[in-house]
PDB file of N, CA and C in Angstrom:
ATOM      1  N   UNK A   1       0.843  -1.178   0.000  1.00  0.00           N
ATOM      2  CA  UNK A   1       0.000   0.000   0.000  1.00  0.00           C
ATOM      3  C   UNK A   1       0.892   1.247   0.000  1.00  0.00           C
ATOM      4  N   UNK A   2       0.304   2.391  -0.356  1.00  0.00           N
ATOM      5  CA  UNK A   2       1.031   3.645  -0.466  1.00  0.00           C
ATOM      6  C   UNK A   2       0.944   4.385   0.868  1.00  0.00           C
ATOM      7  N   UNK A   3       2.079   4.912   1.294  1.00  0.00           N
ATOM      8  CA  UNK A   3       2.103   5.619   2.576  1.00  0.00           C
ATOM      9  C   UNK A   3       1.536   7.029   2.438  1.00  0.00           C
ATOM     10  N   UNK A   4       1.235   7.661   3.556  1.00  0.00           N
ATOM     11  CA  UNK A   4       0.687   9.035   3.592  1.00  0.00           C
ATOM     12  C   UNK A   4       1.659  10.036   2.968  1.00  0.00           C
ATOM     13  N   UNK A   5       2.959   9.851   3.165  1.00  0.00           N
ATOM     14  CA  UNK A   5       3.967  10.767   2.625  1.00  0.00           C
ATOM     15  C   UNK A   5       3.987  10.702   1.102  1.00  0.00           C
ATOM     16  N   UNK A   6       3.868   9.495   0.572  1.00  0.00           N
ATOM     17  CA  UNK A   6       3.841   9.353  -0.880  1.00  0.00           C
ATOM     18  C   UNK A   6       2.577   9.968  -1.479  1.00  0.00           C
ATOM     19  N   UNK A   7       1.454   9.774  -0.797  1.00  0.00           N
ATOM     20  CA  UNK A   7       0.180  10.360  -1.262  1.00  0.00           C
ATOM     21  C   UNK A   7       0.295  11.881  -1.253  1.00  0.00           C
ATOM     22  N   UNK A   8       0.871  12.448  -0.214  1.00  0.00           N
ATOM     23  CA  UNK A   8       1.028  13.897  -0.136  1.00  0.00           C
ATOM     24  C   UNK A   8       1.955  14.392  -1.246  1.00  0.00           C
ATOM     25  N   UNK A   9       3.024  13.647  -1.524  1.00  0.00           N
ATOM     26  CA  UNK A   9       3.950  14.033  -2.592  1.00  0.00           C
ATOM     27  C   UNK A   9       3.265  13.987  -3.953  1.00  0.00           C
ATOM     28  N   UNK A  10       2.480  12.947  -4.203  1.00  0.00           N
ATOM     29  CA  UNK A  10       1.759  12.823  -5.468  1.00  0.00           C
ATOM     30  C   UNK A  10       0.743  13.950  -5.614  1.00  0.00           C
ATOM     31  N   UNK A  11       0.013  14.247  -4.544  1.00  0.00           N
ATOM     32  CA  UNK A  11      -0.982  15.333  -4.586  1.00  0.00           C
ATOM     33  C   UNK A  11      -0.318  16.684  -4.840  1.00  0.00           C
ATOM     34  N   UNK A  12       0.832  16.923  -4.221  1.00  0.00           N
ATOM     35  CA  UNK A  12       1.559  18.174  -4.440  1.00  0.00           C
ATOM     36  C   UNK A  12       2.027  18.275  -5.890  1.00  0.00           C
ATOM     37  N   UNK A  13       2.516  17.157  -6.411  1.00  0.00           N
ATOM     38  CA  UNK A  13       2.957  17.143  -7.817  1.00  0.00           C
ATOM     39  C   UNK A  13       1.798  17.499  -8.741  1.00  0.00           C
ATOM     40  N   UNK A  14       0.630  16.872  -8.536  1.00  0.00           N
ATOM     41  CA  UNK A  14      -0.511  17.149  -9.415  1.00  0.00           C
ATOM     42  C   UNK A  14      -1.065  18.558  -9.224  1.00  0.00           C
ATOM     43  N   UNK A  15      -1.011  19.102  -7.996  1.00  0.00           N
ATOM     44  CA  UNK A  15      -1.440  20.498  -7.775  1.00  0.00           C
ATOM     45  C   UNK A  15      -0.521  21.457  -8.541  1.00  0.00           C
ATOM     46  N   UNK A  16       0.780  21.198  -8.484  1.00  0.00           N
ATOM     47  CA  UNK A  16       1.728  22.047  -9.222  1.00  0.00           C
ATOM     48  C   UNK A  16       1.510  21.941 -10.729  1.00  0.00           C
ATOM     49  N   UNK A  17       1.272  20.722 -11.213  1.00  0.00           N
ATOM     50  CA  UNK A  17       1.009  20.547 -12.646  1.00  0.00           C
ATOM     51  C   UNK A  17      -0.274  21.261 -13.060  1.00  0.00           C
ATOM     52  N   UNK A  18      -1.302  21.192 -12.211  1.00  0.00           N
ATOM     53  CA  UNK A  18      -2.568  21.859 -12.527  1.00  0.00           C
ATOM     54  C   UNK A  18      -2.383  23.376 -12.521  1.00  0.00           C
ATOM     55  N   UNK A  19      -1.617  23.905 -11.584  1.00  0.00           N
ATOM     56  CA  UNK A  19      -1.358  25.345 -11.558  1.00  0.00           C
ATOM     57  C   UNK A  19      -0.596  25.776 -12.811  1.00  0.00           C
ATOM     58  N   UNK A  20       0.376  24.975 -13.225  1.00  0.00           N
ATOM     59  CA  UNK A  20       1.129  25.290 -14.433  1.00  0.00           C
ATOM     60  C   UNK A  20       0.239  25.217 -15.671  1.00  0.00           C
ATOM     61  N   UNK A  21      -0.618  24.219 -15.729  1.00  0.00           N
ATOM     62  CA  UNK A  21      -1.548  24.096 -16.860  1.00  0.00           C
ATOM     63  C   UNK A  21      -2.505  25.278 -16.907  1.00  0.00           C
ATOM     64  N   UNK A  22      -3.024  25.702 -15.752  1.00  0.00           N
ATOM     65  CA  UNK A  22      -3.930  26.852 -15.723  1.00  0.00           C
ATOM     66  C   UNK A  22      -3.223  28.127 -16.167  1.00  0.00           C
ATOM     67  N   UNK A  23      -1.946  28.251 -15.793  1.00  0.00           N
ATOM     68  CA  UNK A  23      -1.163  29.408 -16.220  1.00  0.00           C
ATOM     69  C   UNK A  23      -1.021  29.414 -17.741  1.00  0.00           C
ATOM     70  N   UNK A  24      -0.737  28.251 -18.323  1.00  0.00           N
ATOM     71  CA  UNK A  24      -0.616  28.144 -19.781  1.00  0.00           C
ATOM     72  C   UNK A  24      -1.953  28.416 -20.445  1.00  0.00           C
ATOM     73  N   UNK A  25      -3.027  27.882 -19.907  1.00  0.00           N
ATOM     74  CA  UNK A  25      -4.351  28.084 -20.500  1.00  0.00           C
ATOM     75  C   UNK A  25      -4.757  29.553 -20.456  1.00  0.00           C
ATOM     76  N   UNK A  26      -4.302  30.266 -19.426  1.00  0.00           N
ATOM     77  CA  UNK A  26      -4.681  31.681 -19.306  1.00  0.00           C
ATOM     78  C   UNK A  26      -3.983  32.555 -20.348  1.00  0.00           C
ATOM     79  N   UNK A  27      -2.925  32.037 -20.969  1.00  0.00           N
ATOM     80  CA  UNK A  27      -2.228  32.822 -21.993  1.00  0.00           C
ATOM     81  C   UNK A  27      -2.807  32.599 -23.386  1.00  0.00           C
ATOM     82  N   UNK A  28      -3.838  31.805 -23.502  1.00  0.00           N
ATOM     83  CA  UNK A  28      -4.445  31.524 -24.796  1.00  0.00           C
ATOM     84  C   UNK A  28      -5.695  32.362 -24.991  1.00  0.00           C
ATOM     85  N   UNK A  29      -6.029  32.621 -26.232  1.00  0.00           N
ATOM     86  CA  UNK A  29      -7.255  33.352 -26.547  1.00  0.00           C
ATOM     87  C   UNK A  29      -6.979  34.811 -26.868  1.00  0.00           C
ATOM     88  N   UNK A  30      -8.005  35.451 -27.423  1.00  0.00           N
ATOM     89  CA  UNK A  30      -7.863  36.840 -27.870  1.00  0.00           C
ATOM     90  C   UNK A  30      -7.630  37.793 -26.699  1.00  0.00           C
ATOM     91  N   UNK A  31      -8.335  37.610 -25.613  1.00  0.00           N
ATOM     92  CA  UNK A  31      -8.189  38.504 -24.450  1.00  0.00           C
ATOM     93  C   UNK A  31      -6.769  38.417 -23.880  1.00  0.00           C
ATOM     94  N   UNK A  32      -6.226  37.214 -23.850  1.00  0.00           N
ATOM     95  CA  UNK A  32      -4.869  37.055 -23.317  1.00  0.00           C
ATOM     96  C   UNK A  32      -3.845  37.727 -24.233  1.00  0.00           C
ATOM     97  N   UNK A  33      -4.057  37.629 -25.556  1.00  0.00           N
ATOM     98  CA  UNK A  33      -3.126  38.288 -26.484  1.00  0.00           C
ATOM     99  C   UNK A  33      -3.201  39.804 -26.340  1.00  0.00           C
ATOM    100  N   UNK A  34      -4.419  40.336 -26.166  1.00  0.00           N
ATOM    101  CA  UNK A  34      -4.572  41.779 -25.978  1.00  0.00           C
ATOM    102  C   UNK A  34      -3.875  42.220 -24.692  1.00  0.00           C
ATOM    103  N   UNK A  35      -4.047  41.444 -23.627  1.00  0.00           N
ATOM    104  CA  UNK A  35      -3.390  41.775 -22.356  1.00  0.00           C
ATOM    105  C   UNK A  35      -1.874  41.698 -22.484  1.00  0.00           C
ATOM    106  N   UNK A  36      -1.382  40.702 -23.206  1.00  0.00           N
ATOM    107  CA  UNK A  36       0.066  40.559 -23.400  1.00  0.00           C
ATOM    108  C   UNK A  36       0.627  41.733 -24.192  1.00  0.00           C
ATOM    109  N   UNK A  37      -0.072  42.134 -25.250  1.00  0.00           N
ATOM    110  CA  UNK A  37       0.385  43.269 -26.046  1.00  0.00           C
ATOM    111  C   UNK A  37       0.366  44.566 -25.239  1.00  0.00           C
ATOM    112  N   UNK A  38      -0.639  44.738 -24.394  1.00  0.00           N
ATOM    113  CA  UNK A  38      -0.704  45.933 -23.547  1.00  0.00           C
ATOM    114  C   UNK A  38       0.452  45.952 -22.549  1.00  0.00           C
ATOM    115  N   UNK A  39       0.748  44.806 -21.962  1.00  0.00           N
ATOM    116  CA  UNK A  39       1.870  44.726 -21.012  1.00  0.00           C
ATOM    117  C   UNK A  39       3.188  44.983 -21.720  1.00  0.00           C
ATOM    118  N   UNK A  40       3.336  44.470 -22.942  1.00  0.00           N
ATOM    119  CA  UNK A  40       4.565  44.669 -23.699  1.00  0.00           C
ATOM    120  C   UNK A  40       4.725  46.130 -24.106  1.00  0.00           C
ATOM    121  N   UNK A  41       3.611  46.803 -24.435  1.00  0.00           N
ATOM    122  CA  UNK A  41       3.677  48.212 -24.827  1.00  0.00           C
ATOM    123  C   UNK A  41       4.044  49.095 -23.638  1.00  0.00           C
ATOM    124  N   UNK A  42       3.622  48.706 -22.433  1.00  0.00           N
ATOM    125  CA  UNK A  42       3.911  49.501 -21.242  1.00  0.00           C
ATOM    126  C   UNK A  42       5.366  49.332 -20.790  1.00  0.00           C
ATOM    127  N   UNK A  43       5.969  48.199 -21.120  1.00  0.00           N
ATOM    128  CA  UNK A  43       7.347  47.934 -20.700  1.00  0.00           C
ATOM    129  C   UNK A  43       8.319  48.684 -21.606  1.00  0.00           C
ATOM    130  N   UNK A  44       9.517  48.972 -21.109  1.00  0.00           N
ATOM    131  CA  UNK A  44      10.515  49.614 -21.980  1.00  0.00           C
ATOM    132  C   UNK A  44      10.903  48.663 -23.111  1.00  0.00           C
ATOM    133  N   UNK A  45      11.200  49.205 -24.291  1.00  0.00           N
ATOM    134  CA  UNK A  45      11.488  48.322 -25.429  1.00  0.00           C
ATOM    135  C   UNK A  45      12.806  47.578 -25.259  1.00  0.00           C
ATOM    136  N   UNK A  46      12.786  46.315 -25.630  1.00  0.00           N
ATOM    137  CA  UNK A  46      14.029  45.559 -25.630  1.00  0.00           C
ATOM    138  C   UNK A  46      14.713  45.790 -26.974  1.00  0.00           C
ATOM    139  N   UNK A  47      15.908  45.269 -27.145  1.00  0.00           N
ATOM    140  CA  UNK A  47      16.634  45.490 -28.389  1.00  0.00           C
ATOM    141  C   UNK A  47      15.912  44.849 -29.564  1.00  0.00           C
ATOM    142  N   UNK A  48      15.046  43.874 -29.321  1.00  0.00           N
ATOM    143  CA  UNK A  48      14.331  43.219 -30.410  1.00  0.00           C
ATOM    144  C   UNK A  48      13.248  44.114 -31.007  1.00  0.00           C
ATOM    145  N   UNK A  49      12.756  45.092 -30.239  1.00  0.00           N
ATOM    146  CA  UNK A  49      11.752  46.004 -30.764  1.00  0.00           C
ATOM    147  C   UNK A  49      12.367  47.265 -31.379  1.00  0.00           C
ATOM    148  N   UNK A  50      13.665  47.454 -31.225  1.00  0.00           N
ATOM    149  CA  UNK A  50      14.309  48.651 -31.759  1.00  0.00           C
ATOM    150  C   UNK A  50      14.483  48.544 -33.264  1.00  0.00           C
ATOM    151  N   UNK A  51      14.386  49.697 -33.937  1.00  0.00           N
ATOM    152  CA  UNK A  51      14.575  49.741 -35.386  1.00  0.00           C
ATOM    153  C   UNK A  51      15.375  50.987 -35.725  1.00  0.00           C
ATOM    154  N   UNK A  52      16.068  50.943 -36.838  1.00  0.00           N
ATOM    155  CA  UNK A  52      16.733  52.123 -37.368  1.00  0.00           C
ATOM    156  C   UNK A  52      17.841  52.649 -36.481  1.00  0.00           C
ATOM    157  N   UNK A  53      17.809  53.973 -36.279  1.00  0.00           N
ATOM    158  CA  UNK A  53      18.872  54.646 -35.532  1.00  0.00           C
ATOM    159  C   UNK A  53      18.948  54.192 -34.069  1.00  0.00           C
ATOM    160  N   UNK A  54      17.821  54.017 -33.349  1.00  0.00           N
ATOM    161  CA  UNK A  54      17.945  53.517 -31.972  1.00  0.00           C
ATOM    162  C   UNK A  54      18.630  52.154 -31.893  1.00  0.00           C
ATOM    163  N   UNK A  55      18.338  51.264 -32.855  1.00  0.00           N
ATOM    164  CA  UNK A  55      19.006  49.965 -32.870  1.00  0.00           C
ATOM    165  C   UNK A  55      20.496  50.124 -33.146  1.00  0.00           C
ATOM    166  N   UNK A  56      20.843  51.011 -34.073  1.00  0.00           N
ATOM    167  CA  UNK A  56      22.251  51.220 -34.390  1.00  0.00           C
ATOM    168  C   UNK A  56      22.999  51.783 -33.174  1.00  0.00           C
ATOM    169  N   UNK A  57      22.406  52.742 -32.486  1.00  0.00           N
ATOM    170  CA  UNK A  57      23.046  53.298 -31.296  1.00  0.00           C
ATOM    171  C   UNK A  57      23.192  52.247 -30.199  1.00  0.00           C
ATOM    172  N   UNK A  58      22.189  51.371 -30.074  1.00  0.00           N
ATOM    173  CA  UNK A  58      22.279  50.289 -29.094  1.00  0.00           C
ATOM    174  C   UNK A  58      23.439  49.353 -29.439  1.00  0.00           C
ATOM    175  N   UNK A  59      23.568  49.009 -30.716  1.00  0.00           N
ATOM    176  CA  UNK A  59      24.634  48.102 -31.139  1.00  0.00           C
ATOM    177  C   UNK A  59      26.007  48.754 -30.991  1.00  0.00           C
ATOM    178  N   UNK A  60      26.098  50.058 -31.219  1.00  0.00           N
ATOM    179  CA  UNK A  60      27.370  50.761 -31.051  1.00  0.00           C
ATOM    180  C   UNK A  60      27.818  50.684 -29.594  1.00  0.00           C
ATOM    181  N   UNK A  61      26.877  50.821 -28.681  1.00  0.00           N
ATOM    182  CA  UNK A  61      27.207  50.792 -27.266  1.00  0.00           C
ATOM    183  C   UNK A  61      27.429  49.404 -26.702  1.00  0.00           C
ATOM    184  N   UNK A  62      27.119  48.370 -27.463  1.00  0.00           N
ATOM    185  CA  UNK A  62      27.256  46.997 -26.969  1.00  0.00           C
ATOM    186  C   UNK A  62      28.732  46.625 -26.843  1.00  0.00           C
ATOM    187  N   UNK A  63      29.081  45.984 -25.748  1.00  0.00           N
ATOM    188  CA  UNK A  63      30.477  45.671 -25.444  1.00  0.00           C
ATOM    189  C   UNK A  63      31.101  44.786 -26.520  1.00  0.00           C
ATOM    190  N   UNK A  64      30.365  43.836 -27.041  1.00  0.00           N
ATOM    191  CA  UNK A  64      30.916  42.916 -28.026  1.00  0.00           C
ATOM    192  C   UNK A  64      31.236  43.572 -29.353  1.00  0.00           C
ATOM    193  N   UNK A  65      30.645  44.733 -29.620  1.00  0.00           N
ATOM    194  CA  UNK A  65      30.868  45.407 -30.896  1.00  0.00           C
ATOM    195  C   UNK A  65      31.956  46.481 -30.816  1.00  0.00           C
ATOM    196  N   UNK A  66      32.571  46.664 -29.681  1.00  0.00           N
ATOM    197  CA  UNK A  66      33.577  47.725 -29.539  1.00  0.00           C
ATOM    198  C   UNK A  66      34.764  47.565 -30.482  1.00  0.00           C
ATOM    199  N   UNK A  67      35.339  46.368 -30.641  1.00  0.00           N
ATOM    200  CA  UNK A  67      36.459  46.252 -31.595  1.00  0.00           C
ATOM    201  C   UNK A  67      36.030  46.612 -33.017  1.00  0.00           C
ATOM    202  N   UNK A  68      34.841  46.191 -33.403  1.00  0.00           N
ATOM    203  CA  UNK A  68      34.334  46.540 -34.725  1.00  0.00           C
ATOM    204  C   UNK A  68      34.159  48.044 -34.861  1.00  0.00           C
ATOM    205  N   UNK A  69      33.613  48.691 -33.829  1.00  0.00           N
ATOM    206  CA  UNK A  69      33.370  50.130 -33.890  1.00  0.00           C
ATOM    207  C   UNK A  69      34.688  50.910 -33.916  1.00  0.00           C
ATOM    208  N   UNK A  70      35.711  50.425 -33.236  1.00  0.00           N
ATOM    209  CA  UNK A  70      37.021  51.081 -33.291  1.00  0.00           C
ATOM    210  C   UNK A  70      37.561  50.996 -34.715  1.00  0.00           C
ATOM    211  N   UNK A  71      37.471  49.819 -35.319  1.00  0.00           N
ATOM    212  CA  UNK A  71      37.914  49.657 -36.701  1.00  0.00           C
ATOM    213  C   UNK A  71      37.105  50.502 -37.668  1.00  0.00           C
ATOM    214  N   UNK A  72      35.815  50.569 -37.456  1.00  0.00           N
ATOM    215  CA  UNK A  72      34.949  51.386 -38.302  1.00  0.00           C
ATOM    216  C   UNK A  72      35.314  52.867 -38.171  1.00  0.00           C
ATOM    217  N   UNK A  73      35.559  53.314 -36.950  1.00  0.00           N
ATOM    218  CA  UNK A  73      35.936  54.710 -36.726  1.00  0.00           C
ATOM    219  C   UNK A  73      37.272  55.054 -37.359  1.00  0.00           C
ATOM    220  N   UNK A  74      38.251  54.168 -37.215  1.00  0.00           N
ATOM    221  CA  UNK A  74      39.571  54.401 -37.824  1.00  0.00           C
ATOM    222  C   UNK A  74      39.432  54.453 -39.341  1.00  0.00           C
ATOM    223  N   UNK A  75      38.670  53.528 -39.924  1.00  0.00           N
ATOM    224  CA  UNK A  75      38.466  53.522 -41.378  1.00  0.00           C
ATOM    225  C   UNK A  75      37.771  54.798 -41.840  1.00  0.00           C
ATOM    226  N   UNK A  76      36.778  55.267 -41.081  1.00  0.00           N
ATOM    227  CA  UNK A  76      36.073  56.495 -41.449  1.00  0.00           C
ATOM    228  C   UNK A  76      36.999  57.705 -41.397  1.00  0.00           C
ATOM    229  N   UNK A  77      37.849  57.781 -40.383  1.00  0.00           N
ATOM    230  CA  UNK A  77      38.789  58.908 -40.267  1.00  0.00           C
ATOM    231  C   UNK A  77      39.799  58.878 -41.408  1.00  0.00           C
ATOM    232  N   UNK A  78      40.302  57.695 -41.737  1.00  0.00           N
ATOM    233  CA  UNK A  78      41.258  57.585 -42.851  1.00  0.00           C
ATOM    234  C   UNK A  78      40.581  57.971 -44.162  1.00  0.00           C
ATOM    235  N   UNK A  79      39.363  57.515 -44.386  1.00  0.00           N
ATOM    236  CA  UNK A  79      38.648  57.858 -45.622  1.00  0.00           C
ATOM    237  C   UNK A  79      38.412  59.362 -45.711  1.00  0.00           C
ATOM    238  N   UNK A  80      38.051  59.983 -44.603  1.00  0.00           N
ATOM    239  CA  UNK A  80      37.849  61.430 -44.593  1.00  0.00           C
ATOM    240  C   UNK A  80      39.155  62.165 -44.871  1.00  0.00           C
ATOM    241  N   UNK A  81      40.248  61.701 -44.287  1.00  0.00           N
ATOM    242  CA  UNK A  81      41.555  62.323 -44.509  1.00  0.00           C
ATOM    243  C   UNK A  81      41.974  62.204 -45.971  1.00  0.00           C
ATOM    244  N   UNK A  82      41.778  61.005 -46.561  1.00  0.00           N
ATOM    245  CA  UNK A  82      42.141  60.807 -47.964  1.00  0.00           C
ATOM    246  C   UNK A  82      41.289  61.698 -48.861  1.00  0.00           C
ATOM    247  N   UNK A  83      40.022  61.827 -48.543  1.00  0.00           N
ATOM    248  CA  UNK A  83      39.130  62.652 -49.358  1.00  0.00           C
ATOM    249  C   UNK A  83      39.520  64.125 -49.306  1.00  0.00           C
ATOM    250  N   UNK A  84      39.980  64.593 -48.151  1.00  0.00           N
ATOM    251  CA  UNK A  84      40.398  65.996 -48.060  1.00  0.00           C
ATOM    252  C   UNK A  84      41.695  66.240 -48.809  1.00  0.00           C
ATOM    253  N   UNK A  85      42.521  65.209 -49.003  1.00  0.00           N
ATOM    254  CA  UNK A  85      43.791  65.347 -49.725  1.00  0.00           C
ATOM    255  C   UNK A  85      43.637  65.157 -51.237  1.00  0.00           C
ATOM    256  N   UNK A  86      42.441  64.863 -51.715  1.00  0.00           N
ATOM    257  CA  UNK A  86      42.181  64.601 -53.133  1.00  0.00           C
ATOM    258  C   UNK A  86      42.115  65.934 -53.875  1.00  0.00           C
ATOM    259  N   UNK A  87      43.181  66.296 -54.570  1.00  0.00           N
ATOM    260  CA  UNK A  87      43.280  67.606 -55.223  1.00  0.00           C
ATOM    261  C   UNK A  87      42.614  67.597 -56.591  1.00  0.00           C
ATOM    262  N   UNK A  88      42.493  68.804 -57.191  1.00  0.00           N
ATOM    263  CA  UNK A  88      41.895  68.914 -58.524  1.00  0.00           C
ATOM    264  C   UNK A  88      42.746  68.206 -59.569  1.00  0.00           C
ATOM    265  N   UNK A  89      44.061  68.255 -59.426  1.00  0.00           N
ATOM    266  CA  UNK A  89      44.926  67.565 -60.368  1.00  0.00           C
ATOM    267  C   UNK A  89      44.716  66.049 -60.300  1.00  0.00           C
ATOM    268  N   UNK A  90      44.547  65.542 -59.091  1.00  0.00           N
ATOM    269  CA  UNK A  90      44.288  64.112 -58.929  1.00  0.00           C
ATOM    270  C   UNK A  90      42.932  63.739 -59.535  1.00  0.00           C
ATOM    271  N   UNK A  91      41.959  64.616 -59.385  1.00  0.00           N
ATOM    272  CA  UNK A  91      40.636  64.355 -59.952  1.00  0.00           C
ATOM    273  C   UNK A  91      40.705  64.273 -61.473  1.00  0.00           C
ATOM    274  N   UNK A  92      41.425  65.196 -62.086  1.00  0.00           N
ATOM    275  CA  UNK A  92      41.538  65.194 -63.546  1.00  0.00           C
ATOM    276  C   UNK A  92      42.274  63.955 -64.044  1.00  0.00           C
ATOM    277  N   UNK A  93      43.193  63.431 -63.272  1.00  0.00           N
ATOM    278  CA  UNK A  93      43.944  62.246 -63.667  1.00  0.00           C
ATOM    279  C   UNK A  93      43.211  60.945 -63.383  1.00  0.00           C
ATOM    280  N   UNK A  94      42.121  61.011 -62.637  1.00  0.00           N
ATOM    281  CA  UNK A  94      41.379  59.805 -62.282  1.00  0.00           C
ATOM    282  C   UNK A  94      40.415  59.427 -63.402  1.00  0.00           C
ATOM    283  N   UNK A  95      40.489  58.198 -63.929  1.00  0.00           N
ATOM    284  CA  UNK A  95      39.564  57.793 -65.001  1.00  0.00           C
ATOM    285  C   UNK A  95      38.102  57.847 -64.558  1.00  0.00           C
ATOM    286  N   UNK A  96      37.821  57.392 -63.352  1.00  0.00           N
ATOM    287  CA  UNK A  96      36.434  57.409 -62.865  1.00  0.00           C
ATOM    288  C   UNK A  96      35.925  58.839 -62.739  1.00  0.00           C
ATOM    289  N   UNK A  97      36.705  59.685 -62.058  1.00  0.00           N
ATOM    290  CA  UNK A  97      36.274  61.059 -61.815  1.00  0.00           C
ATOM    291  C   UNK A  97      36.103  61.815 -63.133  1.00  0.00           C
ATOM    292  N   UNK A  98      37.054  61.653 -64.060  1.00  0.00           N
ATOM    293  CA  UNK A  98      36.963  62.390 -65.319  1.00  0.00           C
ATOM    294  C   UNK A  98      35.796  61.891 -66.173  1.00  0.00           C
ATOM    295  N   UNK A  99      35.427  60.620 -66.047  1.00  0.00           N
ATOM    296  CA  UNK A  99      34.332  60.097 -66.858  1.00  0.00           C
ATOM    297  C   UNK A  99      32.974  60.493 -66.300  1.00  0.00           C
ATOM    298  N   UNK A 100      32.790  60.470 -64.994  1.00  0.00           N
ATOM    299  CA  UNK A 100      31.456  60.659 -64.425  1.00  0.00           C
ATOM    300  C   UNK A 100      31.233  62.005 -63.753  1.00  0.00           C
ATOM    301  N   UNK A 101      32.272  62.700 -63.323  1.00  0.00           N
ATOM    302  CA  UNK A 101      32.069  63.909 -62.535  1.00  0.00           C
ATOM    303  C   UNK A 101      32.678  65.171 -63.132  1.00  0.00           C
ATOM    304  N   UNK A 102      33.692  65.056 -63.923  1.00  0.00           N
ATOM    305  CA  UNK A 102      34.390  66.224 -64.442  1.00  0.00           C
ATOM    306  C   UNK A 102      33.518  66.917 -65.483  1.00  0.00           C
ATOM    307  N   UNK A 103      33.319  68.218 -65.337  1.00  0.00           N
ATOM    308  CA  UNK A 103      32.457  68.966 -66.249  1.00  0.00           C
ATOM    309  C   UNK A 103      33.119  69.231 -67.598  1.00  0.00           C
ATOM    310  N   UNK A 104      34.454  69.155 -67.682  1.00  0.00           N
ATOM    311  CA  UNK A 104      35.169  69.431 -68.918  1.00  0.00           C
ATOM    312  C   UNK A 104      35.059  68.270 -69.917  1.00  0.00           C
ATOM    313  N   UNK A 105      34.836  67.068 -69.433  1.00  0.00           N
ATOM    314  CA  UNK A 105      34.852  65.903 -70.312  1.00  0.00           C
ATOM    315  C   UNK A 105      33.667  65.942 -71.255  1.00  0.00           C
ATOM    316  N   UNK A 106      33.892  65.721 -72.552  1.00  0.00           N
ATOM    317  CA  UNK A 106      32.789  65.691 -73.499  1.00  0.00           C
ATOM    318  C   UNK A 106      31.939  64.449 -73.281  1.00  0.00           C
ATOM    319  N   UNK A 107      30.639  64.621 -73.334  1.00  0.00           N
ATOM    320  CA  UNK A 107      29.741  63.494 -73.157  1.00  0.00           C
ATOM    321  C   UNK A 107      29.640  63.014 -71.709  1.00  0.00           C
ATOM    322  N   UNK A 108      30.137  63.804 -70.804  1.00  0.00           N
ATOM    323  CA  UNK A 108      30.057  63.422 -69.390  1.00  0.00           C
ATOM    324  C   UNK A 108      28.654  63.621 -68.854  1.00  0.00           C
ATOM    325  N   UNK A 109      28.406  63.061 -67.747  1.00  0.00           N
ATOM    326  CA  UNK A 109      27.072  63.155 -67.142  1.00  0.00           C
ATOM    327  C   UNK A 109      26.899  64.441 -66.400  1.00  0.00           C
TER     328      UNK A 109
END
């Protein structure tokens, strides 16, 4: 036969399972989805809800992206420096620049 302690343990197990099932059942249906969406709208946005510039700023501040951002910043500074050193003589000697941007070239855009 089963002892009182085992019966109490079995009853506790089934009470916990029933509470968990009721919790799951309460998350189903249209009313539960509306309540969930309202709770989610009231909470501060997580990174999964961010879009555009807020997401980019979040990713810039993320610790794992710091080496990438340092490299990106160095590349941007070098590109800006090279662009400021690009003289008119260099532009005229550049096949791309003379074909698409130079106003003197015949048939240019």
